[in-house]
Amino acid sequence: MSRDWPLWEVFIRSKGGLSHKHVGSVHAPDSELALRHARDVYTRRQEGISLWVVRSSDIVASDPAQDGPMFEPAESKIYRHPTFYDIPDVVTHI
């Protein structure tokens, strides 16, 4: 039966961590059970303080084969440079 359930990706934030990290996957029929399965499988030693579960089919990722255009250096994108914009004199710190 669980083979027919959607796959959920599990992310945990550790007690000392600032961000969630991918730790694995679980199969579950809905988000509530996915959280419970994730808790039971991935936090047995109480290593986390926060869990995220995301349906795998909802994750959109870039194609590593097309990394050039997506991750090209910022020098070619002048609109990203703060010197491209006029900053009011009242702004003293950015």
Protein backbone atom coordinates (compact mmCIF):
# COMPACT_ATOMS: atom_id res chain seq x y z
CA MET A 1 0.00 0.00 0.00
CA SER A 2 2.66 2.54 0.94
CA ARG A 3 4.07 2.21 -2.59
CA ASP A 4 1.00 4.06 -3.86
CA TRP A 5 1.46 6.89 -1.36
CA PRO A 6 3.25 10.04 -2.53
CA LEU A 7 6.90 10.55 -1.70
CA TRP A 8 7.73 13.39 0.72
CA GLU A 9 11.16 14.96 1.17
CA VAL A 10 12.17 15.52 4.79
CA PHE A 11 14.15 18.50 6.09
CA ILE A 12 15.33 18.89 9.70
CA ARG A 13 16.69 21.88 11.57
CA SER A 14 19.07 20.75 14.26
CA LYS A 15 19.20 22.21 17.74
CA GLY A 16 22.27 24.26 16.93
CA GLY A 17 21.49 24.84 13.26
CA LEU A 18 20.15 27.87 11.52
CA SER A 19 18.68 26.18 8.47
CA HIS A 20 16.85 23.00 7.57
CA LYS A 21 18.83 20.23 5.85
CA HIS A 22 17.51 17.47 3.65
CA VAL A 23 17.81 14.14 5.47
CA GLY A 24 15.75 11.75 3.38
CA SER A 25 12.28 10.79 2.22
CA VAL A 26 9.14 9.08 3.45
CA HIS A 27 5.99 7.77 1.80
CA ALA A 28 2.70 8.99 3.29
CA PRO A 29 -0.87 9.62 2.12
CA ASP A 30 -0.97 13.21 3.42
CA SER A 31 1.16 15.92 5.04
CA GLU A 32 0.11 15.09 8.61
CA LEU A 33 1.20 11.48 8.32
CA ALA A 34 4.32 12.51 6.43
CA LEU A 35 5.33 14.66 9.42
CA ARG A 36 4.66 11.79 11.81
CA HIS A 37 6.63 9.31 9.71
CA ALA A 38 9.48 11.81 9.36
CA ARG A 39 9.54 12.35 13.12
CA ASP A 40 9.57 8.60 13.79
CA VAL A 41 12.26 7.82 11.22
CA TYR A 42 14.58 10.82 11.35
CA THR A 43 14.42 12.19 14.91
CA ARG A 44 14.87 9.06 17.02
CA ARG A 45 17.70 10.66 18.97
CA GLN A 46 15.97 14.02 19.42
CA GLU A 47 18.41 15.71 17.09
CA GLY A 48 15.93 18.15 15.57
CA ILE A 49 13.80 21.07 16.70
CA SER A 50 11.86 21.59 13.47
CA LEU A 51 10.69 19.37 10.61
CA TRP A 52 9.58 20.21 7.11
CA VAL A 53 8.01 17.76 4.71
CA VAL A 54 7.52 18.68 1.07
CA ARG A 55 5.79 16.54 -1.50
CA SER A 56 8.54 15.50 -3.92
CA SER A 57 6.35 16.21 -6.93
CA ASP A 58 6.05 19.86 -5.80
CA ILE A 59 9.80 20.51 -5.82
CA VAL A 60 11.07 22.36 -8.86
CA ALA A 61 14.80 22.29 -9.53
CA SER A 62 17.18 23.71 -12.08
CA ASP A 63 18.87 21.39 -14.55
CA PRO A 64 22.58 20.99 -13.71
CA ALA A 65 23.30 20.66 -17.44
CA GLN A 66 21.98 24.21 -17.93
CA ASP A 67 23.98 25.79 -15.10
CA GLY A 68 25.81 28.36 -17.24
CA PRO A 69 22.99 30.81 -17.93
CA MET A 70 21.44 30.38 -14.49
CA PHE A 71 24.60 30.85 -12.44
CA GLU A 72 26.75 33.08 -14.61
CA PRO A 73 28.77 35.69 -12.72
CA ALA A 74 27.01 38.84 -11.59
CA GLU A 75 29.43 41.09 -13.50
CA SER A 76 27.37 40.59 -16.63
CA LYS A 77 24.17 41.59 -14.81
CA ILE A 78 24.74 45.26 -14.09
CA TYR A 79 21.25 45.71 -12.74
CA ARG A 80 22.37 43.75 -9.67
CA HIS A 81 25.05 46.28 -8.80
CA PRO A 82 24.04 48.97 -6.31
CA THR A 83 25.90 51.57 -8.38
CA PHE A 84 23.26 51.15 -11.07
CA TYR A 85 20.71 52.87 -8.83
CA ASP A 86 20.54 56.38 -7.40
CA ILE A 87 20.66 56.16 -3.62
CA PRO A 88 19.05 59.07 -1.75
CA ASP A 89 21.37 61.10 0.49
CA VAL A 90 19.24 60.26 3.54
CA VAL A 91 20.24 56.61 3.19
CA THR A 92 23.48 56.29 5.11
CA HIS A 93 23.75 52.53 5.42
CA ILE A 94 22.67 49.67 3.17
